[in-house]
Amino acid sequence: MNELRWDPTLGEWVAYATHRQERTFLPPAEYCPLCPTKPGGFPTEVPRESYEIVVFENRFPSFVPDAPEPEGSGNGLTPKAAGRGVCEVVLYTDEHDATLAQLPERRIRQLVEVWADRYRELGALDFVDYVFIFENKGEAIGVTLHHPHGQIYGYPFVPPRPKRELEAARAHREKTGGCLHCDLLAQEHAEGKRIVVKGEHFSAFVPFYAHFPYEVHVYSRRCVGSIAGLDAEERRDLARTLKRLLVGYDELFGFSLPYMMVMHQAPTDGGDYEGVAHFHIEFYPPNRTADKLKYLAGSETGAGAFIVDALPEETAGRLREAVARA
């Protein structure tokens, strides 16, 4: 069952996908469904002996293209809708124990091409309003499969966080005539103390308003709406910047750092987002120290107000040193 229900108190959709209770949960490595299928071995999602990058539809999707209309339509205050959309899995490599940080820059460059392709193809579907590319890494984040992979959701609506960001960017443009993200990046470059990696076309920094101690945003220098709009040199530099940041994350505490990686870009709902949507990637590692996590507790979850116990300037300096050492 894939169903949407409207929350009138927050003005947003909540998705229900009851079959996801049965999804695979931390299987032994020899039964990993994301590894290649070896001759005479356990059958997996990939019927090949080896591969580089694979994309396939999620077996336990939050949204499906042919979701039926829900039983009962709800009412004017709390309507229901079909959970139509697309959910894909992106396998980064056939090496079970690898991570994105450990992959060569060439593979990350290929992955950038795959992400751009999926953004274009899924965004062209008339029932997809937002293409959300992301990765959950590490058990601290709640991953159920360790094999290196990311996911792509084609939402039938613009999700709340990107929507609020776009609204803020539009208001900034109407007030100043400029791009909010371009202006933020110019400020970060001018101050310099929160910059972590500075490439030719992309910059990675701990934002002035970071919600997590080691949160990093990776901004395109050029005001481009989506990953599909990047040219060849920009895609190459994006791969290089991601590689440097990721190895720095692992160097920071001496272990493979868990994180959420999410991409924010222009919706595909047919609206005008020129000068409003600015492609960027955000990383949210849960660690505040090597052995302590930042939990989303009462203030963060119940009030939506984040409280962080480390200043962005301090954590950016530590992370910048880790990148230099790596």
Protein backbone atom coordinates (compact mmCIF):
# COMPACT_ATOMS: atom_id res chain seq x y z
CA MET A 1 0.00 0.00 0.00
CA ASN A 2 1.38 3.41 -1.05
CA GLU A 3 -0.71 6.30 0.18
CA LEU A 4 -0.36 10.01 0.95
CA ARG A 5 -2.17 11.75 3.79
CA TRP A 6 -2.30 15.50 4.24
CA ASP A 7 -1.16 17.03 7.54
CA PRO A 8 -3.11 20.30 7.79
CA THR A 9 -1.21 21.41 10.90
CA LEU A 10 2.08 21.63 8.98
CA GLY A 11 0.74 21.91 5.43
CA GLU A 12 2.60 18.87 4.11
CA TRP A 13 2.07 15.34 2.83
CA VAL A 14 3.00 12.24 4.85
CA ALA A 15 3.71 9.05 2.86
CA TYR A 16 2.67 5.58 4.02
CA ALA A 17 4.23 2.42 2.58
CA THR A 18 3.26 -0.46 4.85
CA HIS A 19 5.10 -3.15 2.87
CA ARG A 20 8.45 -1.57 3.82
CA GLN A 21 8.20 -3.30 7.21
CA GLU A 22 9.33 -6.46 5.40
CA ARG A 23 12.48 -5.00 3.77
CA THR A 24 15.82 -6.75 4.20
CA PHE A 25 17.59 -5.81 7.42
CA LEU A 26 21.39 -6.12 7.83
CA PRO A 27 21.89 -9.52 6.19
CA PRO A 28 25.25 -11.38 6.43
CA ALA A 29 27.73 -10.32 3.74
CA GLU A 30 27.39 -13.65 1.93
CA TYR A 31 23.66 -12.97 1.47
CA CYS A 32 23.89 -9.32 0.47
CA PRO A 33 21.19 -8.66 -2.17
CA LEU A 34 23.24 -5.82 -3.68
CA CYS A 35 26.37 -7.83 -4.46
CA PRO A 36 26.86 -9.46 -7.89
CA THR A 37 25.32 -12.89 -8.40
CA LYS A 38 28.13 -15.43 -8.44
CA PRO A 39 27.84 -18.73 -10.40
CA GLY A 40 25.96 -21.21 -8.24
CA GLY A 41 25.68 -18.63 -5.48
CA PHE A 42 22.91 -16.71 -3.74
CA PRO A 43 20.73 -14.87 -6.33
CA THR A 44 20.87 -11.09 -5.86
CA GLU A 45 19.29 -7.99 -7.39
CA VAL A 46 22.11 -7.94 -10.00
CA PRO A 47 22.23 -11.09 -12.19
CA ARG A 48 25.84 -10.51 -13.24
CA GLU A 49 29.22 -11.64 -11.91
CA SER A 50 30.55 -8.07 -11.70
CA TYR A 51 29.47 -4.49 -12.37
CA GLU A 52 30.53 -0.87 -12.01
CA ILE A 53 27.34 1.15 -11.34
CA VAL A 54 23.82 -0.27 -11.35
CA VAL A 55 20.44 1.45 -11.04
CA PHE A 56 17.25 -0.50 -10.41
CA GLU A 57 13.78 0.05 -8.95
CA ASN A 58 13.58 -0.37 -5.21
CA ARG A 59 11.95 -3.66 -4.22
CA PHE A 60 10.40 -1.94 -1.18
CA PRO A 61 9.46 1.48 -2.58
CA SER A 62 7.95 4.39 -0.70
CA PHE A 63 6.24 5.44 -3.95
CA VAL A 64 5.24 3.49 -7.06
CA PRO A 65 4.23 4.71 -10.54
CA ASP A 66 0.95 2.78 -10.56
CA ALA A 67 -0.22 3.39 -6.99
CA PRO A 68 -4.01 2.92 -6.84
CA GLU A 69 -6.32 5.52 -5.45
CA PRO A 70 -6.62 5.00 -1.67
CA GLU A 71 -9.72 3.53 -0.09
CA GLY A 72 -11.81 6.47 0.94
CA SER A 73 -10.76 9.96 -0.07
CA GLY A 74 -10.45 11.40 3.41
CA ASN A 75 -12.21 14.77 3.69
CA GLY A 76 -11.60 18.44 3.04
CA LEU A 77 -9.52 18.83 6.18
CA THR A 78 -7.46 15.65 5.88
CA PRO A 79 -7.48 14.41 2.25
CA LYS A 80 -5.73 11.32 0.92
CA ALA A 81 -3.92 10.78 -2.39
CA ALA A 82 -2.24 7.94 -4.26
CA GLY A 83 1.44 7.50 -3.41
CA ARG A 84 2.55 7.79 -7.04
CA GLY A 85 6.23 8.27 -7.69
CA VAL A 86 9.46 6.40 -8.30
CA CYS A 87 12.07 4.92 -5.96
CA GLU A 88 15.41 3.72 -7.32
CA VAL A 89 18.55 2.23 -5.81
CA VAL A 90 21.98 3.24 -7.14
CA LEU A 91 24.82 0.77 -6.49
CA TYR A 92 28.20 2.53 -6.49
CA THR A 93 30.39 -0.56 -6.90
CA ASP A 94 30.33 -4.35 -6.72
CA GLU A 95 32.82 -4.23 -3.80
CA HIS A 96 30.72 -5.01 -0.72
CA ASP A 97 33.09 -3.46 1.83
CA ALA A 98 33.93 -0.29 -0.09
CA THR A 99 32.57 3.20 0.57
CA LEU A 100 32.07 6.20 -1.69
CA ALA A 101 35.15 7.78 -0.08
CA GLN A 102 37.27 4.79 -1.08
CA LEU A 103 36.23 4.77 -4.72
CA PRO A 104 38.56 6.37 -7.29
CA GLU A 105 37.69 9.83 -8.52
CA ARG A 106 36.96 8.31 -11.95
CA ARG A 107 34.12 6.22 -10.49
CA ILE A 108 32.66 9.21 -8.66
CA ARG A 109 32.78 11.10 -11.97
CA GLN A 110 30.78 8.26 -13.57
CA LEU A 111 28.34 8.43 -10.68
CA VAL A 112 27.80 12.14 -11.31
CA GLU A 113 26.81 11.26 -14.88
CA VAL A 114 24.38 8.62 -13.58
CA TRP A 115 22.81 11.08 -11.14
CA ALA A 116 22.35 13.64 -13.92
CA ASP A 117 20.78 11.02 -16.19
CA ARG A 118 18.31 9.90 -13.53
CA TYR A 119 17.39 13.50 -12.71
CA ARG A 120 16.53 14.13 -16.35
CA GLU A 121 14.64 10.87 -16.93
CA LEU A 122 12.64 10.79 -13.71
CA GLY A 123 11.97 14.52 -13.80
CA ALA A 124 10.37 14.12 -17.24
CA LEU A 125 7.61 11.93 -15.76
CA ASP A 126 4.39 13.90 -15.42
CA PHE A 127 3.76 12.61 -11.89
CA VAL A 128 7.23 13.47 -10.52
CA ASP A 129 7.56 17.00 -9.13
CA TYR A 130 10.89 16.60 -7.35
CA VAL A 131 13.87 14.31 -7.93
CA PHE A 132 15.66 13.73 -4.64
CA ILE A 133 19.08 12.03 -4.79
CA PHE A 134 20.52 10.91 -1.47
CA GLU A 135 22.67 8.45 0.45
CA ASN A 136 22.27 7.15 3.99
CA LYS A 137 25.59 5.76 5.21
CA GLY A 138 26.23 3.87 8.44
CA GLU A 139 24.16 2.10 11.06
CA ALA A 140 24.06 5.32 13.11
CA ILE A 141 21.89 6.73 10.31
CA GLY A 142 19.69 3.61 10.25
CA VAL A 143 20.87 1.90 7.08
CA THR A 144 19.60 -1.65 6.56
CA LEU A 145 22.16 -2.72 3.93
CA HIS A 146 25.89 -2.03 4.22
CA HIS A 147 26.74 -2.41 0.52
CA PRO A 148 27.71 1.05 -0.85
CA HIS A 149 24.62 2.53 -2.44
CA GLY A 150 22.41 5.57 -2.65
CA GLN A 151 18.78 6.13 -3.50
CA ILE A 152 16.65 8.37 -5.70
CA TYR A 153 13.06 9.34 -4.90
CA GLY A 154 10.81 10.85 -7.53
CA TYR A 155 8.28 12.64 -5.31
CA PRO A 156 4.78 13.55 -6.52
CA PHE A 157 5.19 16.84 -4.62
CA VAL A 158 8.01 19.19 -3.60
CA PRO A 159 9.16 17.97 -0.15
CA PRO A 160 8.93 20.39 2.80
CA ARG A 161 12.62 21.19 3.35
CA PRO A 162 13.50 21.95 -0.30
CA LYS A 163 10.20 23.83 -0.57
CA ARG A 164 11.05 26.10 2.36
CA GLU A 165 14.52 26.65 0.94
CA LEU A 166 13.09 27.60 -2.46
CA GLU A 167 10.60 29.98 -0.83
CA ALA A 168 13.43 31.68 1.08
CA ALA A 169 15.49 31.92 -2.13
CA ARG A 170 12.57 33.41 -4.05
CA ALA A 171 11.94 35.98 -1.31
CA HIS A 172 15.64 36.91 -1.33
CA ARG A 173 15.60 37.35 -5.10
CA GLU A 174 12.51 39.56 -4.97
CA LYS A 175 14.12 41.68 -2.24
CA THR A 176 17.68 41.95 -3.56
CA GLY A 177 17.59 40.78 -7.18
CA GLY A 178 20.30 38.20 -6.41
CA CYS A 179 20.55 34.46 -5.86
CA LEU A 180 20.46 33.53 -2.17
CA HIS A 181 22.93 30.69 -2.57
CA CYS A 182 25.33 32.73 -4.71
CA ASP A 183 25.31 35.44 -2.04
CA LEU A 184 25.88 32.89 0.74
CA LEU A 185 28.79 31.34 -1.17
CA ALA A 186 30.32 34.79 -1.78
CA GLN A 187 30.10 35.46 1.95
CA GLU A 188 31.76 32.13 2.78
CA HIS A 189 34.57 32.84 0.30
CA ALA A 190 35.06 36.34 1.70
CA GLU A 191 35.29 35.15 5.31
CA GLY A 192 37.18 31.93 4.45
CA LYS A 193 37.16 30.42 7.95
CA ARG A 194 34.39 27.91 7.24
CA ILE A 195 35.68 26.75 3.84
CA VAL A 196 36.75 23.08 3.88
CA VAL A 197 37.52 22.35 0.20
CA LYS A 198 37.79 24.96 -2.55
CA GLY A 199 37.77 23.53 -6.05
CA GLU A 200 37.69 25.25 -9.41
CA HIS A 201 33.92 25.04 -9.84
CA PHE A 202 32.66 23.80 -6.44
CA SER A 203 33.28 24.82 -2.85
CA ALA A 204 32.59 22.78 0.29
CA PHE A 205 32.05 24.58 3.59
CA VAL A 206 30.48 24.26 7.01
CA PRO A 207 27.61 26.77 6.76
CA PHE A 208 27.37 29.69 9.18
CA TYR A 209 24.05 28.19 10.36
CA ALA A 210 25.06 24.49 10.47
CA HIS A 211 22.48 22.27 12.18
CA PHE A 212 25.01 19.45 12.77
CA PRO A 213 28.58 19.99 14.07
CA TYR A 214 30.25 18.63 10.92
CA GLU A 215 27.55 19.50 8.40
CA VAL A 216 29.02 20.48 5.04
CA HIS A 217 27.39 22.04 1.99
CA VAL A 218 28.91 21.66 -1.47
CA TYR A 219 27.88 24.56 -3.72
CA SER A 220 28.25 25.03 -7.44
CA ARG A 221 30.10 28.30 -8.11
CA ARG A 222 27.91 28.88 -11.15
CA CYS A 223 24.22 29.53 -10.58
CA VAL A 224 22.84 26.34 -12.12
CA GLY A 225 19.52 24.80 -11.14
CA SER A 226 20.29 21.08 -11.28
CA ILE A 227 23.02 18.50 -11.65
CA ALA A 228 21.85 18.00 -15.24
CA GLY A 229 22.86 21.59 -16.02
CA LEU A 230 26.52 21.12 -15.12
CA ASP A 231 29.03 21.09 -17.96
CA ALA A 232 31.84 18.52 -18.30
CA GLU A 233 34.43 20.51 -16.36
CA GLU A 234 31.99 21.23 -13.54
CA ARG A 235 31.07 17.55 -13.25
CA ARG A 236 34.73 16.63 -13.10
CA ASP A 237 35.36 19.18 -10.37
CA LEU A 238 32.30 18.02 -8.44
CA ALA A 239 33.73 14.48 -8.37
CA ARG A 240 37.12 15.82 -7.26
CA THR A 241 35.58 17.98 -4.51
CA LEU A 242 33.43 15.13 -3.21
CA LYS A 243 36.43 12.81 -3.12
CA ARG A 244 38.50 15.27 -1.10
CA LEU A 245 35.68 15.97 1.33
CA LEU A 246 34.82 12.30 1.86
CA VAL A 247 38.39 11.19 2.56
CA GLY A 248 38.63 14.15 4.94
CA TYR A 249 35.51 12.97 6.76
CA ASP A 250 37.09 9.54 7.26
CA GLU A 251 40.37 11.09 8.41
CA LEU A 252 38.58 13.33 10.95
CA PHE A 253 38.05 10.69 13.65
CA GLY A 254 39.98 7.83 12.09
CA PHE A 255 36.98 5.78 10.95
CA SER A 256 34.48 5.72 8.11
CA LEU A 257 32.15 8.53 9.11
CA PRO A 258 28.37 7.95 8.89
CA TYR A 259 26.38 10.64 7.12
CA MET A 260 23.31 11.61 5.18
CA MET A 261 24.10 13.09 1.76
CA VAL A 262 21.25 14.94 0.03
CA MET A 263 20.98 16.94 -3.18
CA HIS A 264 18.86 20.06 -3.47
CA GLN A 265 18.00 21.23 -6.98
CA ALA A 266 15.20 22.59 -9.15
CA PRO A 267 11.82 20.86 -8.91
CA THR A 268 10.51 19.21 -12.07
CA ASP A 269 6.92 20.40 -11.64
CA GLY A 270 7.04 22.83 -14.57
CA GLY A 271 7.55 25.95 -12.43
CA ASP A 272 10.01 28.77 -13.08
CA TYR A 273 13.05 28.36 -10.80
CA GLU A 274 15.57 30.42 -12.78
CA GLY A 275 17.81 32.25 -10.30
CA VAL A 276 15.97 30.61 -7.39
CA ALA A 277 17.08 26.97 -7.41
CA HIS A 278 20.85 26.58 -7.05
CA PHE A 279 22.26 23.05 -7.23
CA HIS A 280 24.08 21.97 -4.10
CA ILE A 281 24.73 18.92 -1.92
CA GLU A 282 24.37 18.82 1.85
CA PHE A 283 26.06 16.36 4.23
CA TYR A 284 24.76 15.69 7.74
CA PRO A 285 27.12 13.47 9.78
CA PRO A 286 25.57 12.53 13.16
CA ASN A 287 28.88 12.49 15.07
CA ARG A 288 29.69 15.48 17.27
CA THR A 289 32.83 13.75 18.55
CA ALA A 290 34.50 10.43 17.77
CA ASP A 291 32.27 8.62 20.27
CA LYS A 292 29.23 10.87 20.69
CA LEU A 293 26.30 11.38 18.34
CA LYS A 294 24.08 14.40 17.79
CA TYR A 295 20.60 13.08 18.50
CA LEU A 296 17.46 14.81 17.28
CA ALA A 297 15.64 15.09 20.58
CA GLY A 298 12.80 17.25 21.96
CA SER A 299 13.89 20.67 20.71
CA GLU A 300 14.91 19.46 17.25
CA THR A 301 12.05 17.02 16.60
CA GLY A 302 9.23 18.55 18.60
CA ALA A 303 9.99 22.25 18.12
CA GLY A 304 12.08 22.16 14.95
CA ALA A 305 14.74 24.24 16.70
CA PHE A 306 18.27 22.86 16.43
CA ILE A 307 20.75 23.29 19.28
CA VAL A 308 24.39 22.60 18.36
CA ASP A 309 27.24 22.38 20.88
CA ALA A 310 30.11 23.34 18.56
CA LEU A 311 30.62 26.48 16.48
CA PRO A 312 30.86 26.06 12.69
CA GLU A 313 34.17 27.94 12.59
CA GLU A 314 35.72 25.42 15.01
CA THR A 315 34.45 22.29 13.28
CA ALA A 316 35.34 23.67 9.85
CA GLY A 317 38.92 24.18 11.02
CA ARG A 318 39.19 20.60 12.30
CA LEU A 319 37.68 19.22 9.11
CA ARG A 320 39.90 21.39 6.91
CA GLU A 321 42.96 20.00 8.73
CA ALA A 322 41.66 16.45 8.22
CA VAL A 323 41.27 17.06 4.48
CA ALA A 324 44.84 18.38 4.34
CA ARG A 325 46.15 15.29 6.17
CA ALA A 326 44.23 12.76 4.07
